């Protein structure tokens, strides 16, 4: 009998690899994304806007009913979708700040709340995809870093609140080979190579690295890992940058 997983941001580099890995390991995967390019790695794609789900009550009511019809059972919720709006404090727009918190933080909260009963019935789990920016960041990442720090706080708070009902954990990757990362480095191969050399493993991560860890956490069933934030950073957080 299949297990059922729901992955947000399923069309992104990390989301699509998570969905692919889960499918290959016996899950029926529901995939959510604001875009729709028909290159699905999931079993059932649902076009869904997390920002609107958070900010528009009528949209939230509509999709609550849709999810109740389409997703009667759920074993795993992967809150992967994220937006990254860059800007220094003096340039940061309130709309970008609000969208970032809606998608990266409040969306995972509301989806966890919506699917709680189904996850509890299946002895399931929630996995939040964080970021190294939750504790190590750089200039112009104010909104993104704040949202990811809060997401890890949410992970720990939910783990305490839900006790033995549903396990809740987070994975916080560093640099992962995705379109989002390449856009941030303007697709400059020299910059990518320099980034690789900063990591003690001498490479950046791949979406498959994240997917493997998600699968492990999901497969743990009644395991003891609960409220954890697992760093997936190739050792870069251990590097002291000095002269």
Protein backbone atom coordinates (compact mmCIF):
# COMPACT_ATOMS: atom_id res chain seq x y z
CA UNK A 1 0.00 0.00 0.00
CA UNK A 2 1.38 3.36 -1.02
CA UNK A 3 2.21 6.11 1.37
CA UNK A 4 1.15 9.63 0.46
CA UNK A 5 3.37 12.71 0.38
CA UNK A 6 2.74 16.35 -0.48
CA UNK A 7 5.65 18.50 -1.66
CA UNK A 8 5.37 22.26 -2.13
CA UNK A 9 7.52 24.03 -4.71
CA UNK A 10 7.61 20.78 -6.66
CA UNK A 11 8.82 22.32 -9.93
CA UNK A 12 11.99 23.77 -8.44
CA UNK A 13 15.34 21.99 -8.48
CA UNK A 14 15.10 20.67 -4.93
CA UNK A 15 11.35 20.06 -4.95
CA UNK A 16 11.37 18.05 -8.15
CA UNK A 17 14.20 15.85 -6.89
CA UNK A 18 12.43 15.26 -3.57
CA UNK A 19 9.26 14.26 -5.45
CA UNK A 20 11.22 11.95 -7.76
CA UNK A 21 12.97 10.25 -4.86
CA UNK A 22 9.75 9.75 -2.92
CA UNK A 23 8.00 8.29 -5.99
CA UNK A 24 10.86 5.87 -6.56
CA UNK A 25 10.49 4.71 -2.97
CA UNK A 26 6.79 3.90 -3.02
CA UNK A 27 5.10 7.20 -2.24
CA UNK A 28 2.16 8.64 -4.15
CA UNK A 29 3.25 12.27 -4.46
CA UNK A 30 1.06 15.35 -4.63
CA UNK A 31 3.05 18.28 -5.98
CA UNK A 32 2.20 21.95 -5.49
CA UNK A 33 3.68 24.91 -7.31
CA UNK A 34 2.68 28.41 -8.34
CA UNK A 35 4.09 27.73 -11.83
CA UNK A 36 2.91 25.14 -14.31
CA UNK A 37 5.41 23.93 -16.91
CA UNK A 38 4.07 20.36 -17.25
CA UNK A 39 7.41 18.78 -16.28
CA UNK A 40 6.05 16.98 -13.26
CA UNK A 41 8.00 14.54 -11.13
CA UNK A 42 4.89 13.93 -9.01
CA UNK A 43 1.79 11.77 -9.42
CA UNK A 44 -0.75 14.56 -9.03
CA UNK A 45 0.10 18.21 -9.72
CA UNK A 46 -1.93 21.01 -8.15
CA UNK A 47 -1.29 24.59 -9.18
CA UNK A 48 -1.28 26.51 -5.93
CA UNK A 49 -0.21 29.96 -4.75
CA UNK A 50 1.00 29.87 -1.13
CA UNK A 51 1.21 33.66 -0.90
CA UNK A 52 -2.44 33.92 -1.88
CA UNK A 53 -3.40 31.04 0.43
CA UNK A 54 -1.98 33.04 3.33
CA UNK A 55 -3.23 36.48 2.37
CA UNK A 56 -6.66 35.81 0.80
CA UNK A 57 -9.30 34.15 2.99
CA UNK A 58 -11.56 33.21 0.06
CA UNK A 59 -8.63 31.50 -1.72
CA UNK A 60 -7.77 29.70 1.51
CA UNK A 61 -11.34 28.43 1.94
CA UNK A 62 -11.44 27.30 -1.71
CA UNK A 63 -8.20 25.32 -1.47
CA UNK A 64 -9.02 23.87 1.93
CA UNK A 65 -12.04 22.26 0.27
CA UNK A 66 -9.94 21.16 -2.73
CA UNK A 67 -7.33 19.54 -0.48
CA UNK A 68 -10.02 17.83 1.59
CA UNK A 69 -11.34 16.24 -1.61
CA UNK A 70 -8.07 15.43 -3.38
CA UNK A 71 -5.87 14.47 -0.42
CA UNK A 72 -7.86 12.22 1.93
CA UNK A 73 -4.73 10.63 3.42
CA UNK A 74 -1.25 12.00 4.04
CA UNK A 75 1.90 10.49 5.54
CA UNK A 76 4.40 13.25 4.76
CA UNK A 77 4.27 17.01 4.26
CA UNK A 78 7.40 18.59 2.80
CA UNK A 79 7.32 22.39 3.10
CA UNK A 80 9.88 23.14 0.40
CA UNK A 81 8.50 26.15 -1.52
CA UNK A 82 10.38 29.41 -0.97
CA UNK A 83 10.91 32.83 -2.47
CA UNK A 84 14.17 34.76 -2.24
CA UNK A 85 13.74 38.52 -2.55
CA UNK A 86 17.09 40.25 -2.12
CA UNK A 87 17.57 43.78 -0.92
CA UNK A 88 19.49 45.83 1.61
CA UNK A 89 17.49 47.42 4.43
CA UNK A 90 17.19 50.80 2.71
CA UNK A 91 15.89 49.15 -0.48
CA UNK A 92 13.70 46.43 1.02
CA UNK A 93 10.08 46.70 -0.10
CA UNK A 94 7.36 45.82 2.38
CA UNK A 95 5.56 43.77 -0.28
CA UNK A 96 8.69 41.64 -0.78
CA UNK A 97 9.06 41.22 2.98
CA UNK A 98 5.42 40.15 3.36
CA UNK A 99 5.55 37.74 0.41
CA UNK A 100 8.72 36.16 1.80
CA UNK A 101 7.17 35.56 5.22
CA UNK A 102 3.91 34.35 3.67
CA UNK A 103 5.57 31.74 1.47
CA UNK A 104 8.55 30.73 3.61
CA UNK A 105 6.98 30.77 7.06
CA UNK A 106 3.23 31.28 7.39
CA UNK A 107 2.44 28.95 4.47
CA UNK A 108 4.19 26.00 6.16
CA UNK A 109 2.34 26.82 9.38
CA UNK A 110 -1.08 26.85 7.71
CA UNK A 111 -0.43 23.71 5.66
CA UNK A 112 0.79 21.89 8.77
CA UNK A 113 -2.40 22.95 10.53
CA UNK A 114 -4.60 21.94 7.59
CA UNK A 115 -3.12 18.44 7.25
CA UNK A 116 -2.50 17.79 10.95
CA UNK A 117 -5.34 15.33 11.48
CA UNK A 118 -4.38 13.31 8.40
CA UNK A 119 -0.73 13.23 9.40
CA UNK A 120 -1.64 12.23 12.94
CA UNK A 121 -3.81 9.36 11.70
CA UNK A 122 -0.92 7.99 9.63
CA UNK A 123 1.74 8.56 12.31
CA UNK A 124 3.34 10.81 9.69
CA UNK A 125 5.82 13.63 9.67
CA UNK A 126 6.48 17.18 8.53
CA UNK A 127 9.81 18.15 6.99
CA UNK A 128 10.60 21.84 6.53
CA UNK A 129 13.32 22.84 4.06
CA UNK A 130 15.32 25.58 5.72
CA UNK A 131 18.60 27.12 4.65
CA UNK A 132 22.08 27.84 5.93
CA UNK A 133 20.82 31.44 6.00
CA UNK A 134 18.91 30.60 9.18
CA UNK A 135 22.20 31.09 11.06
CA UNK A 136 24.89 32.26 8.58
CA UNK A 137 23.94 34.92 6.07
CA UNK A 138 25.29 37.76 3.95
CA UNK A 139 24.33 41.23 2.81
CA UNK A 140 20.93 41.84 1.16
CA UNK A 141 19.40 38.60 2.50
CA UNK A 142 17.39 40.28 5.27
CA UNK A 143 13.94 38.95 4.34
CA UNK A 144 15.09 35.48 3.30
CA UNK A 145 17.41 34.93 6.27
CA UNK A 146 14.77 36.10 8.74
CA UNK A 147 12.13 33.81 7.24
CA UNK A 148 14.41 30.77 7.37
CA UNK A 149 15.48 31.50 10.94
CA UNK A 150 11.82 31.68 11.90
CA UNK A 151 11.06 28.45 10.01
CA UNK A 152 13.59 26.59 12.15
CA UNK A 153 12.00 28.15 15.23
CA UNK A 154 8.62 26.95 13.96
CA UNK A 155 10.03 23.44 13.45
CA UNK A 156 11.18 23.24 17.06
CA UNK A 157 7.99 24.78 18.44
CA UNK A 158 5.78 22.38 16.45
CA UNK A 159 7.83 19.41 17.61
CA UNK A 160 7.21 20.39 21.24
CA UNK A 161 3.56 21.24 20.63
CA UNK A 162 2.69 18.07 18.71
CA UNK A 163 4.65 15.75 21.02
CA UNK A 164 4.11 12.17 19.80
CA UNK A 165 1.37 13.00 17.29
CA UNK A 166 3.50 13.98 14.29
CA UNK A 167 7.29 14.17 13.97
CA UNK A 168 8.60 17.54 12.74
CA UNK A 169 12.13 18.13 11.45
CA UNK A 170 14.03 20.49 9.18
CA UNK A 171 16.84 20.23 6.65
CA UNK A 172 18.99 23.32 6.16
CA UNK A 173 21.07 23.13 2.97
CA UNK A 174 23.93 25.43 2.03
CA UNK A 175 24.66 26.09 -1.66
CA UNK A 176 22.69 23.67 -3.84
CA UNK A 177 22.98 23.48 -7.64
CA UNK A 178 19.63 25.04 -8.57
CA UNK A 179 18.31 27.74 -10.87
CA UNK A 180 17.78 29.97 -7.82
CA UNK A 181 21.43 29.66 -6.81
CA UNK A 182 22.75 30.20 -10.34
CA UNK A 183 20.56 33.28 -10.77
CA UNK A 184 22.07 34.66 -7.56
CA UNK A 185 25.55 34.27 -9.09
CA UNK A 186 24.44 35.53 -12.52
CA UNK A 187 25.32 32.13 -14.03
CA UNK A 188 28.98 33.08 -13.78
CA UNK A 189 30.96 29.80 -13.88
CA UNK A 190 34.00 31.45 -12.28
CA UNK A 191 31.88 32.48 -9.32
CA UNK A 192 30.40 28.98 -9.08
CA UNK A 193 33.88 27.45 -9.08
CA UNK A 194 35.01 29.89 -6.40
CA UNK A 195 31.97 28.95 -4.34
CA UNK A 196 32.79 25.25 -4.70
CA UNK A 197 36.35 25.84 -3.44
CA UNK A 198 35.03 27.45 -0.24
CA UNK A 199 33.38 24.15 0.78
CA UNK A 200 35.66 21.61 2.48
CA UNK A 201 34.14 18.88 0.29
CA UNK A 202 35.21 20.98 -2.74
CA UNK A 203 31.80 21.05 -4.35
CA UNK A 204 28.39 22.56 -3.82
CA UNK A 205 25.42 20.36 -3.05
CA UNK A 206 23.02 18.73 -5.45
CA UNK A 207 19.24 18.45 -5.13
CA UNK A 208 19.72 14.68 -4.74
CA UNK A 209 21.66 15.33 -1.52
CA UNK A 210 18.61 17.06 -0.04
CA UNK A 211 16.23 14.40 -1.37
CA UNK A 212 18.24 11.58 0.25
CA UNK A 213 18.08 13.27 3.64
CA UNK A 214 14.35 13.98 3.30
CA UNK A 215 13.73 10.32 2.42
CA UNK A 216 15.76 9.19 5.44
CA UNK A 217 13.82 11.43 7.83
CA UNK A 218 10.49 10.36 6.30
CA UNK A 219 11.40 6.68 6.53
CA UNK A 220 12.26 6.80 10.21
CA UNK A 221 8.65 6.07 11.27
CA UNK A 222 8.64 5.99 15.08
CA UNK A 223 12.24 7.18 15.21
CA UNK A 224 13.87 9.42 17.77
CA UNK A 225 14.71 12.32 15.44
CA UNK A 226 12.17 15.01 16.32
CA UNK A 227 12.52 18.78 16.41
CA UNK A 228 15.90 18.52 14.68
CA UNK A 229 17.44 20.91 12.18
CA UNK A 230 19.99 18.95 10.14
CA UNK A 231 22.69 21.03 8.47
CA UNK A 232 23.55 19.93 4.93
CA UNK A 233 26.39 22.28 4.09
CA UNK A 234 29.47 20.43 2.82
CA UNK A 235 31.36 21.64 5.87
CA UNK A 236 31.24 25.34 4.99
CA UNK A 237 29.80 26.38 8.35
CA UNK A 238 33.02 25.10 9.97
CA UNK A 239 35.24 27.38 7.89
CA UNK A 240 36.80 30.41 9.55
CA UNK A 241 37.35 33.11 6.96
CA UNK A 242 40.45 35.01 8.00
CA UNK A 243 43.40 37.01 6.64
